[in-house]
Amino acid sequence: MKVEYVAPDFAVVVAGHWQGRWDMNVQTLTVTQQRAEVLIFTDPYTKSPTVAAVHQANTSVKDVKKDLDGKKIGVCGGCSQSKRMTSWGAALPVPPATSQSLTVRI
């Protein structure tokens, strides 16, 4: 068996524009109504909690909902995490880069 790793654009994955390049995608993915219109989802088989992380030497962030004002934040574009950050009041003046998923071809 030969395994080939490919990194398609995330928008291609969630839009279902696979065009025979692969048969299944496995990744942490939030089920939305829009995605469910083009994808069939399994029941969740694992929990993947989202956390915020700061370097251990950074003592200025104790509460992610209160202490992020003026901080630079790395977050995937258009994903659940960026939506959560904006719901907490984070301003994302420049759209973050679109994340990519890793797809394995076997």
PDB file of N, CA and C in Angstrom:
ATOM      1  N   MET A   1       0.837  -1.157   0.000  1.00  0.00           N
ATOM      2  CA  MET A   1       0.000   0.000   0.000  1.00  0.00           C
ATOM      3  C   MET A   1       0.894   1.236   0.000  1.00  0.00           C
ATOM      4  N   LYS A   2       0.613   2.165  -0.887  1.00  0.00           N
ATOM      5  CA  LYS A   2       1.359   3.413  -0.960  1.00  0.00           C
ATOM      6  C   LYS A   2       0.484   4.523  -0.392  1.00  0.00           C
ATOM      7  N   VAL A   3       1.035   5.314   0.502  1.00  0.00           N
ATOM      8  CA  VAL A   3       0.311   6.431   1.103  1.00  0.00           C
ATOM      9  C   VAL A   3       0.857   7.716   0.501  1.00  0.00           C
ATOM     10  N   GLU A   4      -0.052   8.576   0.068  1.00  0.00           N
ATOM     11  CA  GLU A   4       0.333   9.884  -0.469  1.00  0.00           C
ATOM     12  C   GLU A   4      -0.388  10.950   0.342  1.00  0.00           C
ATOM     13  N   TYR A   5       0.366  11.876   0.902  1.00  0.00           N
ATOM     14  CA  TYR A   5      -0.217  12.962   1.674  1.00  0.00           C
ATOM     15  C   TYR A   5      -0.408  14.172   0.765  1.00  0.00           C
ATOM     16  N   VAL A   6      -1.594  14.759   0.808  1.00  0.00           N
ATOM     17  CA  VAL A   6      -1.874  15.971   0.049  1.00  0.00           C
ATOM     18  C   VAL A   6      -2.506  16.983   0.987  1.00  0.00           C
ATOM     19  N   ALA A   7      -2.327  18.252   0.691  1.00  0.00           N
ATOM     20  CA  ALA A   7      -2.870  19.322   1.531  1.00  0.00           C
ATOM     21  C   ALA A   7      -3.781  20.213   0.694  1.00  0.00           C
ATOM     22  N   PRO A   8      -5.025  19.781   0.487  1.00  0.00           N
ATOM     23  CA  PRO A   8      -5.947  20.608  -0.291  1.00  0.00           C
ATOM     24  C   PRO A   8      -6.381  21.835   0.503  1.00  0.00           C
ATOM     25  N   ASP A   9      -6.814  22.856  -0.202  1.00  0.00           N
ATOM     26  CA  ASP A   9      -7.349  24.042   0.454  1.00  0.00           C
ATOM     27  C   ASP A   9      -8.590  23.645   1.256  1.00  0.00           C
ATOM     28  N   PHE A  10      -8.724  24.183   2.448  1.00  0.00           N
ATOM     29  CA  PHE A  10      -9.842  23.854   3.330  1.00  0.00           C
ATOM     30  C   PHE A  10     -11.182  24.121   2.656  1.00  0.00           C
ATOM     31  N   ALA A  11     -11.274  25.200   1.882  1.00  0.00           N
ATOM     32  CA  ALA A  11     -12.528  25.531   1.196  1.00  0.00           C
ATOM     33  C   ALA A  11     -12.941  24.429   0.231  1.00  0.00           C
ATOM     34  N   VAL A  12     -11.982  23.770  -0.392  1.00  0.00           N
ATOM     35  CA  VAL A  12     -12.271  22.659  -1.303  1.00  0.00           C
ATOM     36  C   VAL A  12     -12.848  21.487  -0.517  1.00  0.00           C
ATOM     37  N   VAL A  13     -12.272  21.219   0.644  1.00  0.00           N
ATOM     38  CA  VAL A  13     -12.731  20.104   1.480  1.00  0.00           C
ATOM     39  C   VAL A  13     -14.173  20.310   1.916  1.00  0.00           C
ATOM     40  N   VAL A  14     -14.482  21.463   2.482  1.00  0.00           N
ATOM     41  CA  VAL A  14     -15.817  21.674   3.037  1.00  0.00           C
ATOM     42  C   VAL A  14     -16.879  21.937   1.974  1.00  0.00           C
ATOM     43  N   ALA A  15     -16.460  22.300   0.771  1.00  0.00           N
ATOM     44  CA  ALA A  15     -17.426  22.515  -0.309  1.00  0.00           C
ATOM     45  C   ALA A  15     -17.746  21.221  -1.049  1.00  0.00           C
ATOM     46  N   GLY A  16     -16.954  20.167  -0.786  1.00  0.00           N
ATOM     47  CA  GLY A  16     -17.197  18.884  -1.431  1.00  0.00           C
ATOM     48  C   GLY A  16     -16.690  18.804  -2.860  1.00  0.00           C
ATOM     49  N   HIS A  17     -15.835  19.726  -3.268  1.00  0.00           N
ATOM     50  CA  HIS A  17     -15.288  19.726  -4.633  1.00  0.00           C
ATOM     51  C   HIS A  17     -14.068  18.807  -4.719  1.00  0.00           C
ATOM     52  N   TRP A  18     -14.280  17.534  -4.495  1.00  0.00           N
ATOM     53  CA  TRP A  18     -13.169  16.587  -4.425  1.00  0.00           C
ATOM     54  C   TRP A  18     -12.811  16.030  -5.792  1.00  0.00           C
ATOM     55  N   GLN A  19     -13.787  15.925  -6.666  1.00  0.00           N
ATOM     56  CA  GLN A  19     -13.591  15.506  -8.053  1.00  0.00           C
ATOM     57  C   GLN A  19     -12.706  14.268  -8.186  1.00  0.00           C
ATOM     58  N   GLY A  20     -12.991  13.264  -7.344  1.00  0.00           N
ATOM     59  CA  GLY A  20     -12.274  12.003  -7.438  1.00  0.00           C
ATOM     60  C   GLY A  20     -10.876  11.991  -6.863  1.00  0.00           C
ATOM     61  N   ARG A  21     -10.450  13.082  -6.262  1.00  0.00           N
ATOM     62  CA  ARG A  21      -9.088  13.134  -5.705  1.00  0.00           C
ATOM     63  C   ARG A  21      -8.949  12.291  -4.441  1.00  0.00           C
ATOM     64  N   TRP A  22     -10.027  12.134  -3.689  1.00  0.00           N
ATOM     65  CA  TRP A  22     -10.036  11.268  -2.511  1.00  0.00           C
ATOM     66  C   TRP A  22     -11.478  10.902  -2.211  1.00  0.00           C
ATOM     67  N   ASP A  23     -11.658   9.898  -1.387  1.00  0.00           N
ATOM     68  CA  ASP A  23     -12.994   9.397  -1.075  1.00  0.00           C
ATOM     69  C   ASP A  23     -13.506   9.816   0.292  1.00  0.00           C
ATOM     70  N   MET A  24     -12.609  10.129   1.193  1.00  0.00           N
ATOM     71  CA  MET A  24     -13.003  10.468   2.551  1.00  0.00           C
ATOM     72  C   MET A  24     -12.008  11.452   3.124  1.00  0.00           C
ATOM     73  N   ASN A  25     -12.490  12.344   3.973  1.00  0.00           N
ATOM     74  CA  ASN A  25     -11.631  13.310   4.654  1.00  0.00           C
ATOM     75  C   ASN A  25     -11.824  13.119   6.145  1.00  0.00           C
ATOM     76  N   VAL A  26     -10.730  13.019   6.886  1.00  0.00           N
ATOM     77  CA  VAL A  26     -10.791  12.860   8.335  1.00  0.00           C
ATOM     78  C   VAL A  26     -10.054  14.041   8.950  1.00  0.00           C
ATOM     79  N   GLN A  27     -10.782  14.808   9.751  1.00  0.00           N
ATOM     80  CA  GLN A  27     -10.177  15.957  10.415  1.00  0.00           C
ATOM     81  C   GLN A  27     -11.143  16.483  11.456  1.00  0.00           C
ATOM     82  N   THR A  28     -10.675  17.390  12.273  1.00  0.00           N
ATOM     83  CA  THR A  28     -11.556  18.074  13.193  1.00  0.00           C
ATOM     84  C   THR A  28     -12.349  19.072  12.370  1.00  0.00           C
ATOM     85  N   LEU A  29     -13.658  18.904  12.353  1.00  0.00           N
ATOM     86  CA  LEU A  29     -14.501  19.713  11.485  1.00  0.00           C
ATOM     87  C   LEU A  29     -15.824  19.967  12.182  1.00  0.00           C
ATOM     88  N   THR A  30     -16.214  21.217  12.269  1.00  0.00           N
ATOM     89  CA  THR A  30     -17.500  21.557  12.859  1.00  0.00           C
ATOM     90  C   THR A  30     -18.601  21.289  11.848  1.00  0.00           C
ATOM     91  N   VAL A  31     -19.624  20.558  12.269  1.00  0.00           N
ATOM     92  CA  VAL A  31     -20.760  20.280  11.398  1.00  0.00           C
ATOM     93  C   VAL A  31     -21.630  21.532  11.355  1.00  0.00           C
ATOM     94  N   THR A  32     -21.848  22.053  10.157  1.00  0.00           N
ATOM     95  CA  THR A  32     -22.744  23.187   9.973  1.00  0.00           C
ATOM     96  C   THR A  32     -23.821  22.789   8.973  1.00  0.00           C
ATOM     97  N   GLN A  33     -24.896  23.532   8.942  1.00  0.00           N
ATOM     98  CA  GLN A  33     -25.975  23.232   8.001  1.00  0.00           C
ATOM     99  C   GLN A  33     -25.468  23.328   6.558  1.00  0.00           C
ATOM    100  N   GLN A  34     -24.671  24.346   6.274  1.00  0.00           N
ATOM    101  CA  GLN A  34     -24.139  24.524   4.923  1.00  0.00           C
ATOM    102  C   GLN A  34     -23.263  23.341   4.510  1.00  0.00           C
ATOM    103  N   ARG A  35     -22.419  22.865   5.403  1.00  0.00           N
ATOM    104  CA  ARG A  35     -21.555  21.723   5.081  1.00  0.00           C
ATOM    105  C   ARG A  35     -22.371  20.443   4.949  1.00  0.00           C
ATOM    106  N   ALA A  36     -23.410  20.303   5.769  1.00  0.00           N
ATOM    107  CA  ALA A  36     -24.247  19.103   5.717  1.00  0.00           C
ATOM    108  C   ALA A  36     -25.038  19.010   4.415  1.00  0.00           C
ATOM    109  N   GLU A  37     -25.142  20.098   3.687  1.00  0.00           N
ATOM    110  CA  GLU A  37     -25.832  20.064   2.397  1.00  0.00           C
ATOM    111  C   GLU A  37     -25.004  19.361   1.321  1.00  0.00           C
ATOM    112  N   VAL A  38     -23.676  19.277   1.516  1.00  0.00           N
ATOM    113  CA  VAL A  38     -22.815  18.641   0.502  1.00  0.00           C
ATOM    114  C   VAL A  38     -21.988  17.480   1.050  1.00  0.00           C
ATOM    115  N   LEU A  39     -21.946  17.319   2.373  1.00  0.00           N
ATOM    116  CA  LEU A  39     -21.149  16.262   2.989  1.00  0.00           C
ATOM    117  C   LEU A  39     -22.038  15.389   3.870  1.00  0.00           C
ATOM    118  N   ILE A  40     -21.674  14.138   3.996  1.00  0.00           N
ATOM    119  CA  ILE A  40     -22.326  13.227   4.932  1.00  0.00           C
ATOM    120  C   ILE A  40     -21.356  13.032   6.089  1.00  0.00           C
ATOM    121  N   PHE A  41     -21.805  13.292   7.305  1.00  0.00           N
ATOM    122  CA  PHE A  41     -20.950  13.204   8.485  1.00  0.00           C
ATOM    123  C   PHE A  41     -21.231  11.924   9.265  1.00  0.00           C
ATOM    124  N   THR A  42     -20.184  11.331   9.814  1.00  0.00           N
ATOM    125  CA  THR A  42     -20.348  10.223  10.749  1.00  0.00           C
ATOM    126  C   THR A  42     -20.763  10.810  12.096  1.00  0.00           C
ATOM    127  N   ASP A  43     -21.139   9.940  13.003  1.00  0.00           N
ATOM    128  CA  ASP A  43     -21.308  10.382  14.381  1.00  0.00           C
ATOM    129  C   ASP A  43     -19.917  10.743  14.897  1.00  0.00           C
ATOM    130  N   PRO A  44     -19.803  11.731  15.771  1.00  0.00           N
ATOM    131  CA  PRO A  44     -18.486  12.060  16.324  1.00  0.00           C
ATOM    132  C   PRO A  44     -17.878  10.840  17.020  1.00  0.00           C
ATOM    133  N   TYR A  45     -16.602  10.614  16.799  1.00  0.00           N
ATOM    134  CA  TYR A  45     -15.933   9.471  17.417  1.00  0.00           C
ATOM    135  C   TYR A  45     -14.842   9.889  18.386  1.00  0.00           C
ATOM    136  N   THR A  46     -14.662  11.180  18.549  1.00  0.00           N
ATOM    137  CA  THR A  46     -13.696  11.676  19.517  1.00  0.00           C
ATOM    138  C   THR A  46     -14.088  13.091  19.906  1.00  0.00           C
ATOM    139  N   LYS A  47     -13.621  13.547  21.034  1.00  0.00           N
ATOM    140  CA  LYS A  47     -13.821  14.930  21.437  1.00  0.00           C
ATOM    141  C   LYS A  47     -12.495  15.652  21.250  1.00  0.00           C
ATOM    142  N   SER A  48     -12.563  16.807  20.661  1.00  0.00           N
ATOM    143  CA  SER A  48     -11.360  17.593  20.413  1.00  0.00           C
ATOM    144  C   SER A  48     -11.571  19.000  20.940  1.00  0.00           C
ATOM    145  N   PRO A  49     -11.344  19.185  22.232  1.00  0.00           N
ATOM    146  CA  PRO A  49     -11.605  20.506  22.795  1.00  0.00           C
ATOM    147  C   PRO A  49     -10.645  21.557  22.242  1.00  0.00           C
ATOM    148  N   THR A  50     -11.152  22.751  22.113  1.00  0.00           N
ATOM    149  CA  THR A  50     -10.330  23.869  21.668  1.00  0.00           C
ATOM    150  C   THR A  50      -9.816  24.590  22.893  1.00  0.00           C
ATOM    151  N   VAL A  51      -8.549  24.905  22.879  1.00  0.00           N
ATOM    152  CA  VAL A  51      -7.950  25.650  23.986  1.00  0.00           C
ATOM    153  C   VAL A  51      -7.140  26.808  23.422  1.00  0.00           C
ATOM    154  N   ALA A  52      -6.942  27.802  24.246  1.00  0.00           N
ATOM    155  CA  ALA A  52      -6.017  28.883  23.914  1.00  0.00           C
ATOM    156  C   ALA A  52      -4.723  28.584  24.654  1.00  0.00           C
ATOM    157  N   ALA A  53      -3.624  28.861  24.007  1.00  0.00           N
ATOM    158  CA  ALA A  53      -2.331  28.593  24.635  1.00  0.00           C
ATOM    159  C   ALA A  53      -1.441  29.825  24.535  1.00  0.00           C
ATOM    160  N   VAL A  54      -0.752  30.116  25.599  1.00  0.00           N
ATOM    161  CA  VAL A  54       0.251  31.172  25.603  1.00  0.00           C
ATOM    162  C   VAL A  54       1.544  30.582  26.151  1.00  0.00           C
ATOM    163  N   HIS A  55       2.647  31.182  25.790  1.00  0.00           N
ATOM    164  CA  HIS A  55       3.943  30.710  26.285  1.00  0.00           C
ATOM    165  C   HIS A  55       3.966  30.821  27.801  1.00  0.00           C
ATOM    166  N   GLN A  56       4.624  29.877  28.447  1.00  0.00           N
ATOM    167  CA  GLN A  56       4.645  29.850  29.910  1.00  0.00           C
ATOM    168  C   GLN A  56       5.262  31.107  30.516  1.00  0.00           C
ATOM    169  N   ALA A  57       6.101  31.802  29.768  1.00  0.00           N
ATOM    170  CA  ALA A  57       6.717  33.030  30.283  1.00  0.00           C
ATOM    171  C   ALA A  57       5.781  34.232  30.167  1.00  0.00           C
ATOM    172  N   ASN A  58       4.685  34.091  29.437  1.00  0.00           N
ATOM    173  CA  ASN A  58       3.736  35.187  29.259  1.00  0.00           C
ATOM    174  C   ASN A  58       2.799  35.233  30.455  1.00  0.00           C
ATOM    175  N   THR A  59       2.956  36.242  31.273  1.00  0.00           N
ATOM    176  CA  THR A  59       2.117  36.357  32.470  1.00  0.00           C
ATOM    177  C   THR A  59       0.988  37.372  32.283  1.00  0.00           C
ATOM    178  N   SER A  60       0.888  37.947  31.079  1.00  0.00           N
ATOM    179  CA  SER A  60      -0.118  38.988  30.854  1.00  0.00           C
ATOM    180  C   SER A  60      -1.485  38.432  30.477  1.00  0.00           C
ATOM    181  N   VAL A  61      -1.573  37.138  30.149  1.00  0.00           N
ATOM    182  CA  VAL A  61      -2.862  36.553  29.776  1.00  0.00           C
ATOM    183  C   VAL A  61      -3.261  35.522  30.826  1.00  0.00           C
ATOM    184  N   LYS A  62      -4.263  35.869  31.586  1.00  0.00           N
ATOM    185  CA  LYS A  62      -4.781  34.952  32.598  1.00  0.00           C
ATOM    186  C   LYS A  62      -6.204  34.520  32.242  1.00  0.00           C
ATOM    187  N   ASP A  63      -6.939  35.386  31.543  1.00  0.00           N
ATOM    188  CA  ASP A  63      -8.325  35.116  31.160  1.00  0.00           C
ATOM    189  C   ASP A  63      -8.458  35.450  29.677  1.00  0.00           C
ATOM    190  N   VAL A  64      -8.725  34.433  28.841  1.00  0.00           N
ATOM    191  CA  VAL A  64      -8.754  34.666  27.397  1.00  0.00           C
ATOM    192  C   VAL A  64      -9.889  35.585  26.971  1.00  0.00           C
ATOM    193  N   LYS A  65     -10.924  35.726  27.779  1.00  0.00           N
ATOM    194  CA  LYS A  65     -12.017  36.620  27.414  1.00  0.00           C
ATOM    195  C   LYS A  65     -11.732  38.072  27.805  1.00  0.00           C
ATOM    196  N   LYS A  66     -10.742  38.293  28.667  1.00  0.00           N
ATOM    197  CA  LYS A  66     -10.488  39.646  29.162  1.00  0.00           C
ATOM    198  C   LYS A  66      -9.101  40.183  28.822  1.00  0.00           C
ATOM    199  N   ASP A  67      -8.119  39.320  28.668  1.00  0.00           N
ATOM    200  CA  ASP A  67      -6.735  39.775  28.590  1.00  0.00           C
ATOM    201  C   ASP A  67      -6.131  39.759  27.187  1.00  0.00           C
ATOM    202  N   LEU A  68      -6.954  39.637  26.163  1.00  0.00           N
ATOM    203  CA  LEU A  68      -6.407  39.543  24.801  1.00  0.00           C
ATOM    204  C   LEU A  68      -6.403  40.868  24.048  1.00  0.00           C
ATOM    205  N   ASP A  69      -6.920  41.927  24.650  1.00  0.00           N
ATOM    206  CA  ASP A  69      -6.950  43.222  23.985  1.00  0.00           C
ATOM    207  C   ASP A  69      -5.537  43.658  23.617  1.00  0.00           C
ATOM    208  N   GLY A  70      -5.328  43.926  22.335  1.00  0.00           N
ATOM    209  CA  GLY A  70      -4.017  44.364  21.859  1.00  0.00           C
ATOM    210  C   GLY A  70      -3.040  43.238  21.587  1.00  0.00           C
ATOM    211  N   LYS A  71      -3.427  41.989  21.831  1.00  0.00           N
ATOM    212  CA  LYS A  71      -2.532  40.853  21.615  1.00  0.00           C
ATOM    213  C   LYS A  71      -2.656  40.347  20.177  1.00  0.00           C
ATOM    214  N   LYS A  72      -1.606  39.764  19.656  1.00  0.00           N
ATOM    215  CA  LYS A  72      -1.636  39.114  18.352  1.00  0.00           C
ATOM    216  C   LYS A  72      -2.103  37.683  18.564  1.00  0.00           C
ATOM    217  N   ILE A  73      -3.086  37.269  17.769  1.00  0.00           N
ATOM    218  CA  ILE A  73      -3.688  35.958  17.949  1.00  0.00           C
ATOM    219  C   ILE A  73      -3.573  35.166  16.656  1.00  0.00           C
ATOM    220  N   GLY A  74      -3.094  33.951  16.725  1.00  0.00           N
ATOM    221  CA  GLY A  74      -3.066  33.055  15.574  1.00  0.00           C
ATOM    222  C   GLY A  74      -4.323  32.205  15.592  1.00  0.00           C
ATOM    223  N   VAL A  75      -5.104  32.285  14.528  1.00  0.00           N
ATOM    224  CA  VAL A  75      -6.355  31.532  14.452  1.00  0.00           C
ATOM    225  C   VAL A  75      -6.631  31.203  12.996  1.00  0.00           C
ATOM    226  N   CYS A  76      -7.268  30.078  12.742  1.00  0.00           N
ATOM    227  CA  CYS A  76      -7.573  29.688  11.365  1.00  0.00           C
ATOM    228  C   CYS A  76      -8.698  30.551  10.803  1.00  0.00           C
ATOM    229  N   GLY A  77      -8.675  30.767   9.512  1.00  0.00           N
ATOM    230  CA  GLY A  77      -9.673  31.607   8.863  1.00  0.00           C
ATOM    231  C   GLY A  77     -10.988  30.885   8.641  1.00  0.00           C
ATOM    232  N   GLY A  78     -12.076  31.516   9.028  1.00  0.00           N
ATOM    233  CA  GLY A  78     -13.396  30.967   8.772  1.00  0.00           C
ATOM    234  C   GLY A  78     -13.762  29.753   9.607  1.00  0.00           C
ATOM    235  N   CYS A  79     -12.959  29.412  10.572  1.00  0.00           N
ATOM    236  CA  CYS A  79     -13.223  28.215  11.369  1.00  0.00           C
ATOM    237  C   CYS A  79     -13.989  28.577  12.636  1.00  0.00           C
ATOM    238  N   SER A  80     -14.389  27.560  13.361  1.00  0.00           N
ATOM    239  CA  SER A  80     -15.156  27.775  14.596  1.00  0.00           C
ATOM    240  C   SER A  80     -14.389  28.640  15.587  1.00  0.00           C
ATOM    241  N   GLN A  81     -13.066  28.483  15.626  1.00  0.00           N
ATOM    242  CA  GLN A  81     -12.267  29.241  16.582  1.00  0.00           C
ATOM    243  C   GLN A  81     -12.285  30.737  16.271  1.00  0.00           C
ATOM    244  N   SER A  82     -12.195  31.105  14.985  1.00  0.00           N
ATOM    245  CA  SER A  82     -12.226  32.534  14.660  1.00  0.00           C
ATOM    246  C   SER A  82     -13.595  33.119  14.968  1.00  0.00           C
ATOM    247  N   LYS A  83     -14.647  32.342  14.740  1.00  0.00           N
ATOM    248  CA  LYS A  83     -15.992  32.810  15.076  1.00  0.00           C
ATOM    249  C   LYS A  83     -16.141  32.992  16.581  1.00  0.00           C
ATOM    250  N   ARG A  84     -15.561  32.080  17.352  1.00  0.00           N
ATOM    251  CA  ARG A  84     -15.619  32.199  18.818  1.00  0.00           C
ATOM    252  C   ARG A  84     -14.872  33.454  19.267  1.00  0.00           C
ATOM    253  N   MET A  85     -13.700  33.700  18.680  1.00  0.00           N
ATOM    254  CA  MET A  85     -12.923  34.869  19.074  1.00  0.00           C
ATOM    255  C   MET A  85     -13.686  36.157  18.765  1.00  0.00           C
ATOM    256  N   THR A  86     -14.351  36.240  17.616  1.00  0.00           N
ATOM    257  CA  THR A  86     -15.119  37.451  17.300  1.00  0.00           C
ATOM    258  C   THR A  86     -16.341  37.571  18.217  1.00  0.00           C
ATOM    259  N   SER A  87     -16.913  36.437  18.646  1.00  0.00           N
ATOM    260  CA  SER A  87     -18.045  36.516  19.577  1.00  0.00           C
ATOM    261  C   SER A  87     -17.604  37.053  20.937  1.00  0.00           C
ATOM    262  N   TRP A  88     -16.309  36.919  21.244  1.00  0.00           N
ATOM    263  CA  TRP A  88     -15.770  37.475  22.482  1.00  0.00           C
ATOM    264  C   TRP A  88     -15.351  38.930  22.301  1.00  0.00           C
ATOM    265  N   GLY A  89     -15.537  39.473  21.083  1.00  0.00           N
ATOM    266  CA  GLY A  89     -15.199  40.868  20.846  1.00  0.00           C
ATOM    267  C   GLY A  89     -13.873  41.087  20.159  1.00  0.00           C
ATOM    268  N   ALA A  90     -13.197  40.035  19.737  1.00  0.00           N
ATOM    269  CA  ALA A  90     -11.927  40.199  19.034  1.00  0.00           C
ATOM    270  C   ALA A  90     -12.180  40.812  17.673  1.00  0.00           C
ATOM    271  N   ALA A  91     -11.403  41.802  17.327  1.00  0.00           N
ATOM    272  CA  ALA A  91     -11.502  42.415  16.005  1.00  0.00           C
ATOM    273  C   ALA A  91     -10.471  41.743  15.109  1.00  0.00           C
ATOM    274  N   LEU A  92     -10.922  41.203  14.005  1.00  0.00           N
ATOM    275  CA  LEU A  92     -10.030  40.572  13.045  1.00  0.00           C
ATOM    276  C   LEU A  92     -10.014  41.442  11.790  1.00  0.00           C
ATOM    277  N   PRO A  93      -9.219  42.537  11.813  1.00  0.00           N
ATOM    278  CA  PRO A  93      -9.260  43.495  10.713  1.00  0.00           C
ATOM    279  C   PRO A  93      -8.775  42.930   9.385  1.00  0.00           C
ATOM    280  N   VAL A  94      -7.849  42.005   9.440  1.00  0.00           N
ATOM    281  CA  VAL A  94      -7.363  41.354   8.229  1.00  0.00           C
ATOM    282  C   VAL A  94      -7.814  39.910   8.300  1.00  0.00           C
ATOM    283  N   PRO A  95      -8.539  39.415   7.283  1.00  0.00           N
ATOM    284  CA  PRO A  95      -8.981  38.019   7.352  1.00  0.00           C
ATOM    285  C   PRO A  95      -7.787  37.096   7.555  1.00  0.00           C
ATOM    286  N   PRO A  96      -7.854  36.208   8.533  1.00  0.00           N
ATOM    287  CA  PRO A  96      -6.749  35.280   8.746  1.00  0.00           C
ATOM    288  C   PRO A  96      -6.618  34.328   7.565  1.00  0.00           C
ATOM    289  N   ALA A  97      -5.442  33.785   7.393  1.00  0.00           N
ATOM    290  CA  ALA A  97      -5.202  32.844   6.304  1.00  0.00           C
ATOM    291  C   ALA A  97      -6.099  31.632   6.458  1.00  0.00           C
ATOM    292  N   THR A  98      -6.545  31.109   5.352  1.00  0.00           N
ATOM    293  CA  THR A  98      -7.383  29.919   5.369  1.00  0.00           C
ATOM    294  C   THR A  98      -6.541  28.733   5.826  1.00  0.00           C
ATOM    295  N   SER A  99      -7.095  27.971   6.756  1.00  0.00           N
ATOM    296  CA  SER A  99      -6.361  26.785   7.205  1.00  0.00           C
ATOM    297  C   SER A  99      -6.448  25.713   6.134  1.00  0.00           C
ATOM    298  N   GLN A 100      -5.550  24.785   6.191  1.00  0.00           N
ATOM    299  CA  GLN A 100      -5.569  23.677   5.252  1.00  0.00           C
ATOM    300  C   GLN A 100      -5.642  22.387   6.022  1.00  0.00           C
ATOM    301  N   SER A 101      -6.246  21.405   5.409  1.00  0.00           N
ATOM    302  CA  SER A 101      -6.315  20.087   6.033  1.00  0.00           C
ATOM    303  C   SER A 101      -5.339  19.178   5.332  1.00  0.00           C
ATOM    304  N   LEU A 102      -5.001  18.107   5.982  1.00  0.00           N
ATOM    305  CA  LEU A 102      -4.105  17.120   5.400  1.00  0.00           C
ATOM    306  C   LEU A 102      -4.928  15.906   5.050  1.00  0.00           C
ATOM    307  N   THR A 103      -4.893  15.530   3.805  1.00  0.00           N
ATOM    308  CA  THR A 103      -5.650  14.378   3.335  1.00  0.00           C
ATOM    309  C   THR A 103      -4.666  13.285   2.944  1.00  0.00           C
ATOM    310  N   VAL A 104      -4.958  12.065   3.346  1.00  0.00           N
ATOM    311  CA  VAL A 104      -4.100  10.932   3.044  1.00  0.00           C
ATOM    312  C   VAL A 104      -4.734  10.117   1.924  1.00  0.00           C
ATOM    313  N   ARG A 105      -3.968   9.862   0.891  1.00  0.00           N
ATOM    314  CA  ARG A 105      -4.423   8.966  -0.170  1.00  0.00           C
ATOM    315  C   ARG A 105      -3.749   7.624   0.037  1.00  0.00           C
ATOM    316  N   ILE A 106      -4.534   6.556   0.049  1.00  0.00           N
ATOM    317  CA  ILE A 106      -3.985   5.209   0.240  1.00  0.00           C
ATOM    318  C   ILE A 106      -4.236   4.407  -1.014  1.00  0.00           C
TER     319      ILE A 106
END
